[in-house]
Amino acid sequence: MTDPPSGPEQQLLDLTEGNAGLAKLLHAGLERLREGVAGADLQEMARDVLAGHSDLRQIAATEAYGPMLLDRFHRFKEWEENLDPDERQRLADEATAVARDVGRPSS
């Protein structure tokens, strides 16, 4: 029998409506943020979420992080809109392959 998900794992499962693959991708994204790829503020936020000290839904609604997350989302959308069609397709194919592999046991 497997152990029930911990607080942070359960939170991510709840956010992804029980989809373990999406929860795993969300976790990986938070790990990247925890590494500092988007700056110190989001690094701290990700660290708190992954440690189970903060709830991602509540954080997104705060004055401190909500605007920052929304800004990053808008920057992403602008970047995505400016991709050339071939690059967009290549990235979509790559994302599909990653999503397909989520949940497969590692060797």
PDB file of N, CA and C in Angstrom:
ATOM      1  N   MET A   1       0.842  -1.174   0.000  1.00  0.00           N
ATOM      2  CA  MET A   1       0.000   0.000   0.000  1.00  0.00           C
ATOM      3  C   MET A   1       0.890   1.241   0.000  1.00  0.00           C
ATOM      4  N   THR A   2       0.482   2.255  -0.729  1.00  0.00           N
ATOM      5  CA  THR A   2       1.273   3.484  -0.769  1.00  0.00           C
ATOM      6  C   THR A   2       0.772   4.438   0.298  1.00  0.00           C
ATOM      7  N   ASP A   3       1.662   5.321   0.711  1.00  0.00           N
ATOM      8  CA  ASP A   3       1.295   6.330   1.705  1.00  0.00           C
ATOM      9  C   ASP A   3       0.388   7.363   1.059  1.00  0.00           C
ATOM     10  N   PRO A   4      -0.534   7.957   1.835  1.00  0.00           N
ATOM     11  CA  PRO A   4      -1.366   9.025   1.269  1.00  0.00           C
ATOM     12  C   PRO A   4      -0.495  10.234   0.951  1.00  0.00           C
ATOM     13  N   PRO A   5      -0.933  11.064  -0.004  1.00  0.00           N
ATOM     14  CA  PRO A   5      -0.131  12.237  -0.362  1.00  0.00           C
ATOM     15  C   PRO A   5       0.057  13.161   0.834  1.00  0.00           C
ATOM     16  N   SER A   6       1.237  13.797   0.888  1.00  0.00           N
ATOM     17  CA  SER A   6       1.517  14.765   1.948  1.00  0.00           C
ATOM     18  C   SER A   6       0.759  16.055   1.648  1.00  0.00           C
ATOM     19  N   GLY A   7       0.832  17.024   2.558  1.00  0.00           N
ATOM     20  CA  GLY A   7       0.148  18.310   2.385  1.00  0.00           C
ATOM     21  C   GLY A   7       0.411  18.959   1.043  1.00  0.00           C
ATOM     22  N   PRO A   8       1.689  19.214   0.690  1.00  0.00           N
ATOM     23  CA  PRO A   8       1.960  19.851  -0.604  1.00  0.00           C
ATOM     24  C   PRO A   8       1.515  18.988  -1.792  1.00  0.00           C
ATOM     25  N   GLU A   9       1.743  17.683  -1.711  1.00  0.00           N
ATOM     26  CA  GLU A   9       1.332  16.806  -2.811  1.00  0.00           C
ATOM     27  C   GLU A   9      -0.181  16.810  -2.969  1.00  0.00           C
ATOM     28  N   GLN A  10      -0.899  16.764  -1.842  1.00  0.00           N
ATOM     29  CA  GLN A  10      -2.361  16.771  -1.898  1.00  0.00           C
ATOM     30  C   GLN A  10      -2.872  18.091  -2.455  1.00  0.00           C
ATOM     31  N   GLN A  11      -2.220  19.194  -2.072  1.00  0.00           N
ATOM     32  CA  GLN A  11      -2.606  20.509  -2.583  1.00  0.00           C
ATOM     33  C   GLN A  11      -2.500  20.545  -4.109  1.00  0.00           C
ATOM     34  N   LEU A  12      -1.407  20.003  -4.646  1.00  0.00           N
ATOM     35  CA  LEU A  12      -1.215  20.011  -6.094  1.00  0.00           C
ATOM     36  C   LEU A  12      -2.227  19.091  -6.774  1.00  0.00           C
ATOM     37  N   LEU A  13      -2.524  17.964  -6.159  1.00  0.00           N
ATOM     38  CA  LEU A  13      -3.561  17.074  -6.701  1.00  0.00           C
ATOM     39  C   LEU A  13      -4.916  17.771  -6.702  1.00  0.00           C
ATOM     40  N   ASP A  14      -5.214  18.500  -5.642  1.00  0.00           N
ATOM     41  CA  ASP A  14      -6.474  19.241  -5.581  1.00  0.00           C
ATOM     42  C   ASP A  14      -6.546  20.299  -6.672  1.00  0.00           C
ATOM     43  N   LEU A  15      -5.447  21.014  -6.880  1.00  0.00           N
ATOM     44  CA  LEU A  15      -5.406  22.063  -7.904  1.00  0.00           C
ATOM     45  C   LEU A  15      -5.577  21.497  -9.310  1.00  0.00           C
ATOM     46  N   THR A  16      -5.137  20.268  -9.509  1.00  0.00           N
ATOM     47  CA  THR A  16      -5.221  19.649 -10.834  1.00  0.00           C
ATOM     48  C   THR A  16      -6.379  18.658 -10.921  1.00  0.00           C
ATOM     49  N   GLU A  17      -7.309  18.792  -9.972  1.00  0.00           N
ATOM     50  CA  GLU A  17      -8.515  17.954  -9.939  1.00  0.00           C
ATOM     51  C   GLU A  17      -8.174  16.470  -9.961  1.00  0.00           C
ATOM     52  N   GLY A  18      -7.131  16.097  -9.206  1.00  0.00           N
ATOM     53  CA  GLY A  18      -6.762  14.695  -9.060  1.00  0.00           C
ATOM     54  C   GLY A  18      -5.914  14.125 -10.181  1.00  0.00           C
ATOM     55  N   ASN A  19      -5.514  14.949 -11.128  1.00  0.00           N
ATOM     56  CA  ASN A  19      -4.701  14.467 -12.240  1.00  0.00           C
ATOM     57  C   ASN A  19      -3.239  14.397 -11.793  1.00  0.00           C
ATOM     58  N   ALA A  20      -2.778  13.189 -11.517  1.00  0.00           N
ATOM     59  CA  ALA A  20      -1.422  13.000 -10.984  1.00  0.00           C
ATOM     60  C   ALA A  20      -0.349  13.501 -11.954  1.00  0.00           C
ATOM     61  N   GLY A  21      -0.562  13.341 -13.237  1.00  0.00           N
ATOM     62  CA  GLY A  21       0.412  13.804 -14.223  1.00  0.00           C
ATOM     63  C   GLY A  21       0.548  15.312 -14.209  1.00  0.00           C
ATOM     64  N   LEU A  22      -0.593  16.018 -14.195  1.00  0.00           N
ATOM     65  CA  LEU A  22      -0.538  17.476 -14.133  1.00  0.00           C
ATOM     66  C   LEU A  22       0.035  17.951 -12.810  1.00  0.00           C
ATOM     67  N   ALA A  23      -0.297  17.251 -11.728  1.00  0.00           N
ATOM     68  CA  ALA A  23       0.264  17.613 -10.422  1.00  0.00           C
ATOM     69  C   ALA A  23       1.776  17.481 -10.445  1.00  0.00           C
ATOM     70  N   LYS A  24       2.263  16.438 -11.121  1.00  0.00           N
ATOM     71  CA  LYS A  24       3.705  16.238 -11.224  1.00  0.00           C
ATOM     72  C   LYS A  24       4.362  17.371 -12.027  1.00  0.00           C
ATOM     73  N   LEU A  25       3.703  17.801 -13.110  1.00  0.00           N
ATOM     74  CA  LEU A  25       4.227  18.909 -13.902  1.00  0.00           C
ATOM     75  C   LEU A  25       4.199  20.213 -13.104  1.00  0.00           C
ATOM     76  N   LEU A  26       3.130  20.431 -12.343  1.00  0.00           N
ATOM     77  CA  LEU A  26       3.042  21.624 -11.503  1.00  0.00           C
ATOM     78  C   LEU A  26       4.146  21.601 -10.454  1.00  0.00           C
ATOM     79  N   HIS A  27       4.384  20.446  -9.874  1.00  0.00           N
ATOM     80  CA  HIS A  27       5.457  20.300  -8.888  1.00  0.00           C
ATOM     81  C   HIS A  27       6.807  20.625  -9.517  1.00  0.00           C
ATOM     82  N   ALA A  28       7.027  20.121 -10.721  1.00  0.00           N
ATOM     83  CA  ALA A  28       8.295  20.395 -11.412  1.00  0.00           C
ATOM     84  C   ALA A  28       8.447  21.888 -11.685  1.00  0.00           C
ATOM     85  N   GLY A  29       7.354  22.559 -12.054  1.00  0.00           N
ATOM     86  CA  GLY A  29       7.409  23.996 -12.282  1.00  0.00           C
ATOM     87  C   GLY A  29       7.738  24.755 -11.012  1.00  0.00           C
ATOM     88  N   LEU A  30       7.137  24.322  -9.899  1.00  0.00           N
ATOM     89  CA  LEU A  30       7.432  24.956  -8.614  1.00  0.00           C
ATOM     90  C   LEU A  30       8.883  24.708  -8.207  1.00  0.00           C
ATOM     91  N   GLU A  31       9.391  23.532  -8.520  1.00  0.00           N
ATOM     92  CA  GLU A  31      10.807  23.261  -8.224  1.00  0.00           C
ATOM     93  C   GLU A  31      11.710  24.207  -8.998  1.00  0.00           C
ATOM     94  N   ARG A  32      11.363  24.481 -10.257  1.00  0.00           N
ATOM     95  CA  ARG A  32      12.160  25.420 -11.062  1.00  0.00           C
ATOM     96  C   ARG A  32      12.110  26.818 -10.452  1.00  0.00           C
ATOM     97  N   LEU A  33      10.907  27.222 -10.006  1.00  0.00           N
ATOM     98  CA  LEU A  33      10.788  28.522  -9.350  1.00  0.00           C
ATOM     99  C   LEU A  33      11.621  28.548  -8.068  1.00  0.00           C
ATOM    100  N   ARG A  34      11.604  27.438  -7.327  1.00  0.00           N
ATOM    101  CA  ARG A  34      12.379  27.356  -6.091  1.00  0.00           C
ATOM    102  C   ARG A  34      13.876  27.500  -6.376  1.00  0.00           C
ATOM    103  N   GLU A  35      14.302  27.121  -7.578  1.00  0.00           N
ATOM    104  CA  GLU A  35      15.709  27.275  -7.976  1.00  0.00           C
ATOM    105  C   GLU A  35      16.055  28.723  -8.287  1.00  0.00           C
ATOM    106  N   GLY A  36      15.035  29.584  -8.405  1.00  0.00           N
ATOM    107  CA  GLY A  36      15.282  31.000  -8.629  1.00  0.00           C
ATOM    108  C   GLY A  36      15.183  31.473 -10.060  1.00  0.00           C
ATOM    109  N   VAL A  37      14.632  30.666 -10.958  1.00  0.00           N
ATOM    110  CA  VAL A  37      14.597  31.052 -12.368  1.00  0.00           C
ATOM    111  C   VAL A  37      13.754  32.287 -12.653  1.00  0.00           C
ATOM    112  N   ALA A  38      12.836  32.631 -11.744  1.00  0.00           N
ATOM    113  CA  ALA A  38      11.969  33.799 -11.965  1.00  0.00           C
ATOM    114  C   ALA A  38      12.173  34.875 -10.903  1.00  0.00           C
ATOM    115  N   GLY A  39      13.276  34.803 -10.199  1.00  0.00           N
ATOM    116  CA  GLY A  39      13.578  35.826  -9.209  1.00  0.00           C
ATOM    117  C   GLY A  39      13.351  35.369  -7.780  1.00  0.00           C
ATOM    118  N   ALA A  40      13.867  36.169  -6.873  1.00  0.00           N
ATOM    119  CA  ALA A  40      13.876  35.808  -5.457  1.00  0.00           C
ATOM    120  C   ALA A  40      12.491  35.727  -4.835  1.00  0.00           C
ATOM    121  N   ASP A  41      11.569  36.600  -5.244  1.00  0.00           N
ATOM    122  CA  ASP A  41      10.233  36.578  -4.644  1.00  0.00           C
ATOM    123  C   ASP A  41       9.489  35.287  -4.968  1.00  0.00           C
ATOM    124  N   LEU A  42       9.491  34.901  -6.230  1.00  0.00           N
ATOM    125  CA  LEU A  42       8.813  33.657  -6.605  1.00  0.00           C
ATOM    126  C   LEU A  42       9.573  32.435  -6.096  1.00  0.00           C
ATOM    127  N   GLN A  43      10.877  32.565  -5.915  1.00  0.00           N
ATOM    128  CA  GLN A  43      11.661  31.492  -5.326  1.00  0.00           C
ATOM    129  C   GLN A  43      11.181  31.229  -3.897  1.00  0.00           C
ATOM    130  N   GLU A  44      11.007  32.297  -3.138  1.00  0.00           N
ATOM    131  CA  GLU A  44      10.529  32.174  -1.760  1.00  0.00           C
ATOM    132  C   GLU A  44       9.119  31.578  -1.721  1.00  0.00           C
ATOM    133  N   MET A  45       8.246  32.032  -2.607  1.00  0.00           N
ATOM    134  CA  MET A  45       6.881  31.524  -2.671  1.00  0.00           C
ATOM    135  C   MET A  45       6.884  30.027  -2.950  1.00  0.00           C
ATOM    136  N   ALA A  46       7.649  29.602  -3.947  1.00  0.00           N
ATOM    137  CA  ALA A  46       7.707  28.187  -4.307  1.00  0.00           C
ATOM    138  C   ALA A  46       8.270  27.355  -3.164  1.00  0.00           C
ATOM    139  N   ARG A  47       9.279  27.873  -2.501  1.00  0.00           N
ATOM    140  CA  ARG A  47       9.872  27.175  -1.361  1.00  0.00           C
ATOM    141  C   ARG A  47       8.806  26.940  -0.282  1.00  0.00           C
ATOM    142  N   ASP A  48       8.008  27.968   0.000  1.00  0.00           N
ATOM    143  CA  ASP A  48       6.967  27.844   1.018  1.00  0.00           C
ATOM    144  C   ASP A  48       5.873  26.855   0.609  1.00  0.00           C
ATOM    145  N   VAL A  49       5.485  26.890  -0.650  1.00  0.00           N
ATOM    146  CA  VAL A  49       4.443  25.964  -1.129  1.00  0.00           C
ATOM    147  C   VAL A  49       4.951  24.533  -1.068  1.00  0.00           C
ATOM    148  N   LEU A  50       6.148  24.295  -1.571  1.00  0.00           N
ATOM    149  CA  LEU A  50       6.688  22.931  -1.593  1.00  0.00           C
ATOM    150  C   LEU A  50       6.976  22.388  -0.200  1.00  0.00           C
ATOM    151  N   ALA A  51       7.212  23.282   0.750  1.00  0.00           N
ATOM    152  CA  ALA A  51       7.442  22.850   2.132  1.00  0.00           C
ATOM    153  C   ALA A  51       6.131  22.653   2.891  1.00  0.00           C
ATOM    154  N   GLY A  52       5.010  23.014   2.257  1.00  0.00           N
ATOM    155  CA  GLY A  52       3.716  22.849   2.903  1.00  0.00           C
ATOM    156  C   GLY A  52       3.349  23.983   3.843  1.00  0.00           C
ATOM    157  N   HIS A  53       4.070  25.106   3.763  1.00  0.00           N
ATOM    158  CA  HIS A  53       3.807  26.242   4.645  1.00  0.00           C
ATOM    159  C   HIS A  53       2.772  27.203   4.071  1.00  0.00           C
ATOM    160  N   SER A  54       2.533  27.126   2.754  1.00  0.00           N
ATOM    161  CA  SER A  54       1.620  28.058   2.095  1.00  0.00           C
ATOM    162  C   SER A  54       0.732  27.310   1.119  1.00  0.00           C
ATOM    163  N   ASP A  55      -0.432  27.883   0.858  1.00  0.00           N
ATOM    164  CA  ASP A  55      -1.390  27.325  -0.091  1.00  0.00           C
ATOM    165  C   ASP A  55      -1.309  28.136  -1.384  1.00  0.00           C
ATOM    166  N   LEU A  56      -1.098  27.457  -2.493  1.00  0.00           N
ATOM    167  CA  LEU A  56      -0.892  28.134  -3.776  1.00  0.00           C
ATOM    168  C   LEU A  56      -2.099  28.975  -4.178  1.00  0.00           C
ATOM    169  N   ARG A  57      -3.305  28.494  -3.948  1.00  0.00           N
ATOM    170  CA  ARG A  57      -4.499  29.280  -4.301  1.00  0.00           C
ATOM    171  C   ARG A  57      -4.548  30.579  -3.505  1.00  0.00           C
ATOM    172  N   GLN A  58      -4.252  30.488  -2.224  1.00  0.00           N
ATOM    173  CA  GLN A  58      -4.284  31.688  -1.383  1.00  0.00           C
ATOM    174  C   GLN A  58      -3.193  32.663  -1.784  1.00  0.00           C
ATOM    175  N   ILE A  59      -2.027  32.131  -2.102  1.00  0.00           N
ATOM    176  CA  ILE A  59      -0.907  32.986  -2.512  1.00  0.00           C
ATOM    177  C   ILE A  59      -1.247  33.750  -3.782  1.00  0.00           C
ATOM    178  N   ALA A  60      -1.867  33.077  -4.742  1.00  0.00           N
ATOM    179  CA  ALA A  60      -2.201  33.720  -6.015  1.00  0.00           C
ATOM    180  C   ALA A  60      -3.174  34.880  -5.829  1.00  0.00           C
ATOM    181  N   ALA A  61      -3.940  34.855  -4.737  1.00  0.00           N
ATOM    182  CA  ALA A  61      -4.922  35.908  -4.492  1.00  0.00           C
ATOM    183  C   ALA A  61      -4.365  37.056  -3.645  1.00  0.00           C
ATOM    184  N   THR A  62      -3.111  36.961  -3.222  1.00  0.00           N
ATOM    185  CA  THR A  62      -2.545  38.010  -2.367  1.00  0.00           C
ATOM    186  C   THR A  62      -2.016  39.178  -3.182  1.00  0.00           C
ATOM    187  N   GLU A  63      -1.928  40.321  -2.520  1.00  0.00           N
ATOM    188  CA  GLU A  63      -1.333  41.512  -3.140  1.00  0.00           C
ATOM    189  C   GLU A  63       0.149  41.288  -3.447  1.00  0.00           C
ATOM    190  N   ALA A  64       0.808  40.489  -2.626  1.00  0.00           N
ATOM    191  CA  ALA A  64       2.246  40.287  -2.785  1.00  0.00           C
ATOM    192  C   ALA A  64       2.581  39.462  -4.023  1.00  0.00           C
ATOM    193  N   TYR A  65       1.826  38.397  -4.276  1.00  0.00           N
ATOM    194  CA  TYR A  65       2.189  37.489  -5.369  1.00  0.00           C
ATOM    195  C   TYR A  65       1.237  37.514  -6.556  1.00  0.00           C
ATOM    196  N   GLY A  66      -0.021  37.827  -6.329  1.00  0.00           N
ATOM    197  CA  GLY A  66      -0.999  37.814  -7.422  1.00  0.00           C
ATOM    198  C   GLY A  66      -0.566  38.622  -8.631  1.00  0.00           C
ATOM    199  N   PRO A  67      -0.239  39.914  -8.445  1.00  0.00           N
ATOM    200  CA  PRO A  67       0.187  40.721  -9.593  1.00  0.00           C
ATOM    201  C   PRO A  67       1.465  40.187 -10.248  1.00  0.00           C
ATOM    202  N   MET A  68       2.375  39.678  -9.441  1.00  0.00           N
ATOM    203  CA  MET A  68       3.633  39.144  -9.976  1.00  0.00           C
ATOM    204  C   MET A  68       3.359  37.922 -10.865  1.00  0.00           C
ATOM    205  N   LEU A  69       2.501  37.025 -10.381  1.00  0.00           N
ATOM    206  CA  LEU A  69       2.164  35.841 -11.162  1.00  0.00           C
ATOM    207  C   LEU A  69       1.420  36.222 -12.439  1.00  0.00           C
ATOM    208  N   LEU A  70       0.513  37.178 -12.321  1.00  0.00           N
ATOM    209  CA  LEU A  70      -0.228  37.640 -13.488  1.00  0.00           C
ATOM    210  C   LEU A  70       0.704  38.284 -14.508  1.00  0.00           C
ATOM    211  N   ASP A  71       1.686  39.069 -14.030  1.00  0.00           N
ATOM    212  CA  ASP A  71       2.662  39.684 -14.926  1.00  0.00           C
ATOM    213  C   ASP A  71       3.456  38.621 -15.681  1.00  0.00           C
ATOM    214  N   ARG A  72       3.914  37.595 -14.958  1.00  0.00           N
ATOM    215  CA  ARG A  72       4.681  36.530 -15.608  1.00  0.00           C
ATOM    216  C   ARG A  72       3.819  35.794 -16.635  1.00  0.00           C
ATOM    217  N   PHE A  73       2.532  35.609 -16.305  1.00  0.00           N
ATOM    218  CA  PHE A  73       1.620  34.950 -17.238  1.00  0.00           C
ATOM    219  C   PHE A  73       1.477  35.790 -18.506  1.00  0.00           C
ATOM    220  N   HIS A  74       1.298  37.103 -18.357  1.00  0.00           N
ATOM    221  CA  HIS A  74       1.165  37.976 -19.527  1.00  0.00           C
ATOM    222  C   HIS A  74       2.435  37.979 -20.365  1.00  0.00           C
ATOM    223  N   ARG A  75       3.576  37.968 -19.711  1.00  0.00           N
ATOM    224  CA  ARG A  75       4.847  37.900 -20.456  1.00  0.00           C
ATOM    225  C   ARG A  75       4.934  36.596 -21.249  1.00  0.00           C
ATOM    226  N   PHE A  76       4.523  35.504 -20.611  1.00  0.00           N
ATOM    227  CA  PHE A  76       4.527  34.219 -21.308  1.00  0.00           C
ATOM    228  C   PHE A  76       3.606  34.274 -22.522  1.00  0.00           C
ATOM    229  N   LYS A  77       2.385  34.795 -22.353  1.00  0.00           N
ATOM    230  CA  LYS A  77       1.434  34.858 -23.467  1.00  0.00           C
ATOM    231  C   LYS A  77       1.991  35.704 -24.606  1.00  0.00           C
ATOM    232  N   GLU A  78       2.634  36.810 -24.281  1.00  0.00           N
ATOM    233  CA  GLU A  78       3.224  37.652 -25.319  1.00  0.00           C
ATOM    234  C   GLU A  78       4.323  36.902 -26.058  1.00  0.00           C
ATOM    235  N   TRP A  79       5.170  36.211 -25.304  1.00  0.00           N
ATOM    236  CA  TRP A  79       6.233  35.410 -25.916  1.00  0.00           C
ATOM    237  C   TRP A  79       5.628  34.346 -26.825  1.00  0.00           C
ATOM    238  N   GLU A  80       4.602  33.660 -26.321  1.00  0.00           N
ATOM    239  CA  GLU A  80       3.968  32.589 -27.085  1.00  0.00           C
ATOM    240  C   GLU A  80       3.338  33.117 -28.374  1.00  0.00           C
ATOM    241  N   GLU A  81       2.702  34.273 -28.296  1.00  0.00           N
ATOM    242  CA  GLU A  81       2.058  34.858 -29.479  1.00  0.00           C
ATOM    243  C   GLU A  81       3.065  35.248 -30.550  1.00  0.00           C
ATOM    244  N   ASN A  82       4.301  35.504 -30.165  1.00  0.00           N
ATOM    245  CA  ASN A  82       5.320  35.931 -31.114  1.00  0.00           C
ATOM    246  C   ASN A  82       6.180  34.792 -31.650  1.00  0.00           C
ATOM    247  N   LEU A  83       5.871  33.570 -31.241  1.00  0.00           N
ATOM    248  CA  LEU A  83       6.614  32.424 -31.774  1.00  0.00           C
ATOM    249  C   LEU A  83       6.283  32.230 -33.247  1.00  0.00           C
ATOM    250  N   ASP A  84       7.264  31.790 -34.001  1.00  0.00           N
ATOM    251  CA  ASP A  84       6.948  31.453 -35.375  1.00  0.00           C
ATOM    252  C   ASP A  84       6.225  30.094 -35.367  1.00  0.00           C
ATOM    253  N   PRO A  85       5.377  29.839 -36.349  1.00  0.00           N
ATOM    254  CA  PRO A  85       4.543  28.631 -36.332  1.00  0.00           C
ATOM    255  C   PRO A  85       5.326  27.324 -36.187  1.00  0.00           C
ATOM    256  N   ASP A  86       6.492  27.239 -36.822  1.00  0.00           N
ATOM    257  CA  ASP A  86       7.289  26.013 -36.718  1.00  0.00           C
ATOM    258  C   ASP A  86       7.801  25.804 -35.292  1.00  0.00           C
ATOM    259  N   GLU A  87       8.252  26.880 -34.659  1.00  0.00           N
ATOM    260  CA  GLU A  87       8.741  26.792 -33.292  1.00  0.00           C
ATOM    261  C   GLU A  87       7.591  26.451 -32.342  1.00  0.00           C
ATOM    262  N   ARG A  88       6.435  27.057 -32.562  1.00  0.00           N
ATOM    263  CA  ARG A  88       5.273  26.761 -31.737  1.00  0.00           C
ATOM    264  C   ARG A  88       4.928  25.275 -31.828  1.00  0.00           C
ATOM    265  N   GLN A  89       4.955  24.732 -33.028  1.00  0.00           N
ATOM    266  CA  GLN A  89       4.638  23.315 -33.208  1.00  0.00           C
ATOM    267  C   GLN A  89       5.693  22.425 -32.555  1.00  0.00           C
ATOM    268  N   ARG A  90       6.955  22.797 -32.692  1.00  0.00           N
ATOM    269  CA  ARG A  90       8.024  22.014 -32.076  1.00  0.00           C
ATOM    270  C   ARG A  90       7.845  21.977 -30.560  1.00  0.00           C
ATOM    271  N   LEU A  91       7.549  23.124 -29.964  1.00  0.00           N
ATOM    272  CA  LEU A  91       7.349  23.184 -28.516  1.00  0.00           C
ATOM    273  C   LEU A  91       6.098  22.411 -28.088  1.00  0.00           C
ATOM    274  N   ALA A  92       5.048  22.484 -28.883  1.00  0.00           N
ATOM    275  CA  ALA A  92       3.824  21.730 -28.572  1.00  0.00           C
ATOM    276  C   ALA A  92       4.102  20.232 -28.626  1.00  0.00           C
ATOM    277  N   ASP A  93       4.861  19.805 -29.632  1.00  0.00           N
ATOM    278  CA  ASP A  93       5.209  18.385 -29.742  1.00  0.00           C
ATOM    279  C   ASP A  93       6.060  17.943 -28.550  1.00  0.00           C
ATOM    280  N   GLU A  94       6.989  18.793 -28.155  1.00  0.00           N
ATOM    281  CA  GLU A  94       7.851  18.484 -27.010  1.00  0.00           C
ATOM    282  C   GLU A  94       7.020  18.387 -25.724  1.00  0.00           C
ATOM    283  N   ALA A  95       6.102  19.324 -25.527  1.00  0.00           N
ATOM    284  CA  ALA A  95       5.241  19.302 -24.333  1.00  0.00           C
ATOM    285  C   ALA A  95       4.357  18.062 -24.324  1.00  0.00           C
ATOM    286  N   THR A  96       3.860  17.673 -25.477  1.00  0.00           N
ATOM    287  CA  THR A  96       3.034  16.466 -25.575  1.00  0.00           C
ATOM    288  C   THR A  96       3.842  15.240 -25.183  1.00  0.00           C
ATOM    289  N   ALA A  97       5.080  15.177 -25.639  1.00  0.00           N
ATOM    290  CA  ALA A  97       5.937  14.036 -25.297  1.00  0.00           C
ATOM    291  C   ALA A  97       6.223  14.001 -23.799  1.00  0.00           C
ATOM    292  N   VAL A  98       6.480  15.149 -23.193  1.00  0.00           N
ATOM    293  CA  VAL A  98       6.726  15.203 -21.754  1.00  0.00           C
ATOM    294  C   VAL A  98       5.480  14.771 -20.997  1.00  0.00           C
ATOM    295  N   ALA A  99       4.332  15.291 -21.406  1.00  0.00           N
ATOM    296  CA  ALA A  99       3.080  14.939 -20.734  1.00  0.00           C
ATOM    297  C   ALA A  99       2.780  13.447 -20.860  1.00  0.00           C
ATOM    298  N   ARG A 100       3.114  12.875 -21.984  1.00  0.00           N
ATOM    299  CA  ARG A 100       2.897  11.443 -22.206  1.00  0.00           C
ATOM    300  C   ARG A 100       3.758  10.617 -21.254  1.00  0.00           C
ATOM    301  N   ASP A 101       4.963  11.118 -20.966  1.00  0.00           N
ATOM    302  CA  ASP A 101       5.893  10.390 -20.101  1.00  0.00           C
ATOM    303  C   ASP A 101       5.601  10.571 -18.618  1.00  0.00           C
ATOM    304  N   VAL A 102       4.803  11.575 -18.271  1.00  0.00           N
ATOM    305  CA  VAL A 102       4.495  11.818 -16.859  1.00  0.00           C
ATOM    306  C   VAL A 102       3.773  10.598 -16.297  1.00  0.00           C
ATOM    307  N   GLY A 103       4.229  10.181 -15.160  1.00  0.00           N
ATOM    308  CA  GLY A 103       3.587   9.037 -14.520  1.00  0.00           C
ATOM    309  C   GLY A 103       4.199   7.703 -14.875  1.00  0.00           C
ATOM    310  N   ARG A 104       5.018   7.682 -15.919  1.00  0.00           N
ATOM    311  CA  ARG A 104       5.718   6.446 -16.233  1.00  0.00           C
ATOM    312  C   ARG A 104       6.834   6.244 -15.236  1.00  0.00           C
ATOM    313  N   PRO A 105       7.029   5.042 -14.795  1.00  0.00           N
ATOM    314  CA  PRO A 105       8.134   4.794 -13.853  1.00  0.00           C
ATOM    315  C   PRO A 105       9.481   5.127 -14.476  1.00  0.00           C
ATOM    316  N   SER A 106      10.360   5.686 -13.697  1.00  0.00           N
ATOM    317  CA  SER A 106      11.713   5.981 -14.168  1.00  0.00           C
ATOM    318  C   SER A 106      12.510   4.685 -14.187  1.00  0.00           C
ATOM    319  N   SER A 107      13.459   4.628 -15.107  1.00  0.00           N
ATOM    320  CA  SER A 107      14.295   3.423 -15.138  1.00  0.00           C
ATOM    321  C   SER A 107      15.541   3.600 -14.349  1.00  0.00           C
TER     322      SER A 107
END
